[in-house]
Amino acid sequence: MTESVKLNEVISWKNGFFHFEGNEPEFVLRKLSRWYNVEVVFKRKINDKFYADIPMNTMLSDALKALELTGVVHFTIENDKIIVN
């Protein structure tokens, strides 16, 4: 299954999507932070996993709203810093 997940990531990347399949929030937000050039600060450890395909041309605020809809995380944005509450 690991090979399938990695293949899905590569295909999604080629097609202009971030593909998250059972990834820790730290992994997801690290990828987004590099893409959008922002810093991420975690206020607490989050043990849930994310499953999502997010278009790479999505505005950062919309990507964060989509992740918030899971009910797992809430974000505050201060300058170029995302704070995970």
N, C-alpha and C. Protein backbone atom coordinates (compact mmCIF):
# COMPACT_ATOMS: atom_id res chain seq x y z
N MET A 1 0.82 -1.20 0.00
CA MET A 1 0.00 0.00 0.00
C MET A 1 0.86 1.25 0.00
N THR A 2 2.02 1.22 0.62
CA THR A 2 2.89 2.38 0.66
C THR A 2 3.27 2.82 -0.75
N GLU A 3 3.57 1.86 -1.64
CA GLU A 3 3.91 2.19 -3.01
C GLU A 3 2.74 2.84 -3.72
N SER A 4 1.52 2.37 -3.45
CA SER A 4 0.33 2.94 -4.06
C SER A 4 0.13 4.39 -3.61
N VAL A 5 0.34 4.65 -2.33
CA VAL A 5 0.19 6.01 -1.80
C VAL A 5 1.22 6.92 -2.45
N LYS A 6 2.47 6.47 -2.54
CA LYS A 6 3.51 7.30 -3.15
C LYS A 6 3.21 7.55 -4.62
N LEU A 7 2.71 6.55 -5.32
CA LEU A 7 2.34 6.73 -6.72
C LEU A 7 1.22 7.75 -6.84
N ASN A 8 0.23 7.67 -5.95
CA ASN A 8 -0.86 8.64 -5.96
C ASN A 8 -0.33 10.05 -5.71
N GLU A 9 0.65 10.20 -4.81
CA GLU A 9 1.24 11.51 -4.54
C GLU A 9 1.93 12.06 -5.77
N VAL A 10 2.69 11.22 -6.46
CA VAL A 10 3.42 11.66 -7.65
C VAL A 10 2.45 12.06 -8.76
N ILE A 11 1.44 11.24 -8.98
CA ILE A 11 0.46 11.54 -10.03
C ILE A 11 -0.31 12.82 -9.69
N SER A 12 -0.70 12.95 -8.44
CA SER A 12 -1.42 14.15 -8.02
C SER A 12 -0.56 15.38 -8.19
N TRP A 13 0.70 15.29 -7.80
CA TRP A 13 1.63 16.43 -7.92
C TRP A 13 1.75 16.84 -9.40
N LYS A 14 1.90 15.84 -10.26
CA LYS A 14 2.01 16.10 -11.69
C LYS A 14 0.75 16.78 -12.22
N ASN A 15 -0.40 16.43 -11.65
CA ASN A 15 -1.68 16.99 -12.07
C ASN A 15 -2.07 18.27 -11.32
N GLY A 16 -1.16 18.77 -10.47
CA GLY A 16 -1.41 20.04 -9.80
C GLY A 16 -2.18 19.95 -8.51
N PHE A 17 -2.07 18.83 -7.79
CA PHE A 17 -2.77 18.64 -6.53
C PHE A 17 -1.81 18.19 -5.43
N PHE A 18 -2.10 18.64 -4.22
CA PHE A 18 -1.49 18.03 -3.03
C PHE A 18 -2.36 16.82 -2.71
N HIS A 19 -1.76 15.67 -2.51
CA HIS A 19 -2.52 14.46 -2.19
C HIS A 19 -2.11 14.01 -0.79
N PHE A 20 -3.07 14.03 0.13
CA PHE A 20 -2.81 13.60 1.50
C PHE A 20 -3.69 12.39 1.78
N GLU A 21 -3.05 11.28 2.09
CA GLU A 21 -3.78 10.04 2.32
C GLU A 21 -3.32 9.44 3.64
N GLY A 22 -4.01 9.85 4.71
CA GLY A 22 -3.66 9.34 6.03
C GLY A 22 -2.40 9.97 6.59
N ASN A 23 -2.19 11.24 6.26
CA ASN A 23 -1.00 11.94 6.72
C ASN A 23 -1.25 12.70 8.01
N GLU A 24 -0.21 12.75 8.84
CA GLU A 24 -0.25 13.54 10.08
C GLU A 24 -0.38 15.02 9.73
N PRO A 25 -1.06 15.80 10.59
CA PRO A 25 -1.19 17.23 10.34
C PRO A 25 0.16 17.94 10.17
N GLU A 26 1.17 17.49 10.91
CA GLU A 26 2.49 18.12 10.79
C GLU A 26 3.03 17.96 9.37
N PHE A 27 2.84 16.79 8.77
CA PHE A 27 3.30 16.54 7.40
C PHE A 27 2.54 17.44 6.42
N VAL A 28 1.22 17.46 6.56
CA VAL A 28 0.37 18.25 5.67
C VAL A 28 0.76 19.72 5.73
N LEU A 29 0.87 20.24 6.93
CA LEU A 29 1.16 21.66 7.09
C LEU A 29 2.60 22.01 6.73
N ARG A 30 3.51 21.08 6.88
CA ARG A 30 4.89 21.31 6.45
C ARG A 30 4.92 21.49 4.92
N LYS A 31 4.17 20.64 4.20
CA LYS A 31 4.10 20.78 2.74
C LYS A 31 3.47 22.11 2.35
N LEU A 32 2.37 22.46 3.00
CA LEU A 32 1.71 23.72 2.68
C LEU A 32 2.60 24.91 3.04
N SER A 33 3.32 24.82 4.15
CA SER A 33 4.18 25.94 4.56
C SER A 33 5.29 26.18 3.54
N ARG A 34 5.84 25.12 2.98
CA ARG A 34 6.88 25.29 1.96
C ARG A 34 6.29 25.86 0.67
N TRP A 35 5.12 25.38 0.29
CA TRP A 35 4.49 25.83 -0.95
C TRP A 35 4.10 27.30 -0.87
N TYR A 36 3.52 27.71 0.26
CA TYR A 36 3.02 29.08 0.41
C TYR A 36 4.02 30.01 1.11
N ASN A 37 5.18 29.47 1.48
CA ASN A 37 6.24 30.25 2.12
C ASN A 37 5.76 30.94 3.40
N VAL A 38 5.21 30.14 4.29
CA VAL A 38 4.77 30.63 5.59
C VAL A 38 5.32 29.71 6.68
N GLU A 39 5.37 30.23 7.88
CA GLU A 39 5.81 29.44 9.03
C GLU A 39 4.59 28.84 9.71
N VAL A 40 4.74 27.63 10.25
CA VAL A 40 3.66 26.97 10.97
C VAL A 40 4.10 26.72 12.40
N VAL A 41 3.24 27.08 13.36
CA VAL A 41 3.51 26.87 14.78
C VAL A 41 2.37 26.03 15.35
N PHE A 42 2.72 24.92 15.98
CA PHE A 42 1.72 24.04 16.60
C PHE A 42 1.61 24.36 18.08
N LYS A 43 0.40 24.62 18.55
CA LYS A 43 0.16 24.87 19.97
C LYS A 43 -0.05 23.56 20.73
N ARG A 44 -0.36 22.48 19.97
CA ARG A 44 -0.57 21.18 20.61
C ARG A 44 -0.33 20.08 19.58
N LYS A 45 -0.13 18.87 20.07
CA LYS A 45 0.04 17.70 19.21
C LYS A 45 -1.34 17.24 18.75
N ILE A 46 -1.46 16.92 17.47
CA ILE A 46 -2.72 16.46 16.91
C ILE A 46 -2.49 15.04 16.40
N ASN A 47 -3.30 14.10 16.85
CA ASN A 47 -3.10 12.69 16.53
C ASN A 47 -3.94 12.19 15.37
N ASP A 48 -4.78 13.04 14.80
CA ASP A 48 -5.63 12.61 13.69
C ASP A 48 -4.83 12.58 12.39
N LYS A 49 -5.45 12.07 11.36
CA LYS A 49 -4.84 11.99 10.03
C LYS A 49 -5.74 12.72 9.02
N PHE A 50 -5.11 13.23 7.97
CA PHE A 50 -5.85 13.94 6.93
C PHE A 50 -5.89 13.13 5.65
N TYR A 51 -7.04 13.17 5.00
CA TYR A 51 -7.25 12.58 3.68
C TYR A 51 -7.84 13.69 2.82
N ALA A 52 -7.07 14.17 1.85
CA ALA A 52 -7.55 15.28 1.03
C ALA A 52 -6.73 15.40 -0.24
N ASP A 53 -7.36 15.95 -1.26
CA ASP A 53 -6.68 16.40 -2.47
C ASP A 53 -6.98 17.88 -2.57
N ILE A 54 -5.93 18.68 -2.55
CA ILE A 54 -6.09 20.14 -2.59
C ILE A 54 -5.36 20.66 -3.82
N PRO A 55 -6.07 21.38 -4.69
CA PRO A 55 -5.40 21.95 -5.86
C PRO A 55 -4.28 22.91 -5.42
N MET A 56 -3.16 22.84 -6.11
CA MET A 56 -2.00 23.68 -5.75
C MET A 56 -2.25 25.16 -6.02
N ASN A 57 -3.24 25.47 -6.85
CA ASN A 57 -3.52 26.88 -7.12
C ASN A 57 -4.56 27.45 -6.15
N THR A 58 -4.93 26.69 -5.14
CA THR A 58 -5.88 27.15 -4.12
C THR A 58 -5.20 28.20 -3.25
N MET A 59 -5.95 29.23 -2.91
CA MET A 59 -5.41 30.23 -1.97
C MET A 59 -5.18 29.55 -0.62
N LEU A 60 -4.14 29.97 0.08
CA LEU A 60 -3.81 29.38 1.37
C LEU A 60 -5.00 29.43 2.32
N SER A 61 -5.69 30.55 2.38
CA SER A 61 -6.83 30.67 3.30
C SER A 61 -7.90 29.63 2.99
N ASP A 62 -8.13 29.33 1.71
CA ASP A 62 -9.13 28.32 1.34
C ASP A 62 -8.67 26.91 1.71
N ALA A 63 -7.38 26.65 1.54
CA ALA A 63 -6.84 25.33 1.92
C ALA A 63 -6.98 25.13 3.42
N LEU A 64 -6.70 26.16 4.19
CA LEU A 64 -6.83 26.07 5.65
C LEU A 64 -8.29 25.90 6.07
N LYS A 65 -9.19 26.61 5.39
CA LYS A 65 -10.62 26.46 5.70
C LYS A 65 -11.07 25.02 5.45
N ALA A 66 -10.59 24.43 4.36
CA ALA A 66 -10.95 23.04 4.06
C ALA A 66 -10.47 22.11 5.16
N LEU A 67 -9.25 22.33 5.65
CA LEU A 67 -8.73 21.49 6.74
C LEU A 67 -9.51 21.73 8.03
N GLU A 68 -9.93 22.97 8.27
CA GLU A 68 -10.72 23.28 9.47
C GLU A 68 -12.08 22.58 9.44
N LEU A 69 -12.64 22.39 8.25
CA LEU A 69 -13.96 21.74 8.14
C LEU A 69 -13.94 20.31 8.67
N THR A 70 -12.77 19.72 8.81
CA THR A 70 -12.68 18.37 9.37
C THR A 70 -12.99 18.38 10.85
N GLY A 71 -12.89 19.55 11.49
CA GLY A 71 -13.12 19.65 12.93
C GLY A 71 -11.91 19.24 13.75
N VAL A 72 -10.82 18.91 13.09
CA VAL A 72 -9.61 18.44 13.78
C VAL A 72 -8.72 19.61 14.21
N VAL A 73 -8.67 20.64 13.38
CA VAL A 73 -7.77 21.76 13.64
C VAL A 73 -8.48 23.09 13.48
N HIS A 74 -7.90 24.12 14.07
CA HIS A 74 -8.33 25.50 13.88
C HIS A 74 -7.07 26.33 13.71
N PHE A 75 -7.11 27.29 12.80
CA PHE A 75 -5.93 28.09 12.50
C PHE A 75 -6.15 29.56 12.80
N THR A 76 -5.09 30.20 13.17
CA THR A 76 -5.02 31.65 13.26
C THR A 76 -3.85 32.06 12.38
N ILE A 77 -4.02 33.11 11.60
CA ILE A 77 -2.93 33.58 10.75
C ILE A 77 -2.47 34.93 11.25
N GLU A 78 -1.17 35.03 11.53
CA GLU A 78 -0.55 36.29 11.96
C GLU A 78 0.64 36.55 11.07
N ASN A 79 0.55 37.57 10.22
CA ASN A 79 1.59 37.88 9.24
C ASN A 79 1.85 36.68 8.37
N ASP A 80 3.07 36.16 8.34
CA ASP A 80 3.38 34.98 7.53
C ASP A 80 3.47 33.73 8.41
N LYS A 81 2.69 33.68 9.47
CA LYS A 81 2.75 32.57 10.40
C LYS A 81 1.36 31.97 10.58
N ILE A 82 1.28 30.64 10.46
CA ILE A 82 0.03 29.93 10.71
C ILE A 82 0.16 29.29 12.09
N ILE A 83 -0.79 29.61 12.95
CA ILE A 83 -0.80 29.04 14.30
C ILE A 83 -1.90 27.98 14.35
N VAL A 84 -1.51 26.75 14.69
CA VAL A 84 -2.44 25.64 14.77
C VAL A 84 -2.89 25.51 16.22
N ASN A 85 -4.19 25.74 16.43
CA ASN A 85 -4.74 25.70 17.78
C ASN A 85 -5.38 24.35 18.06
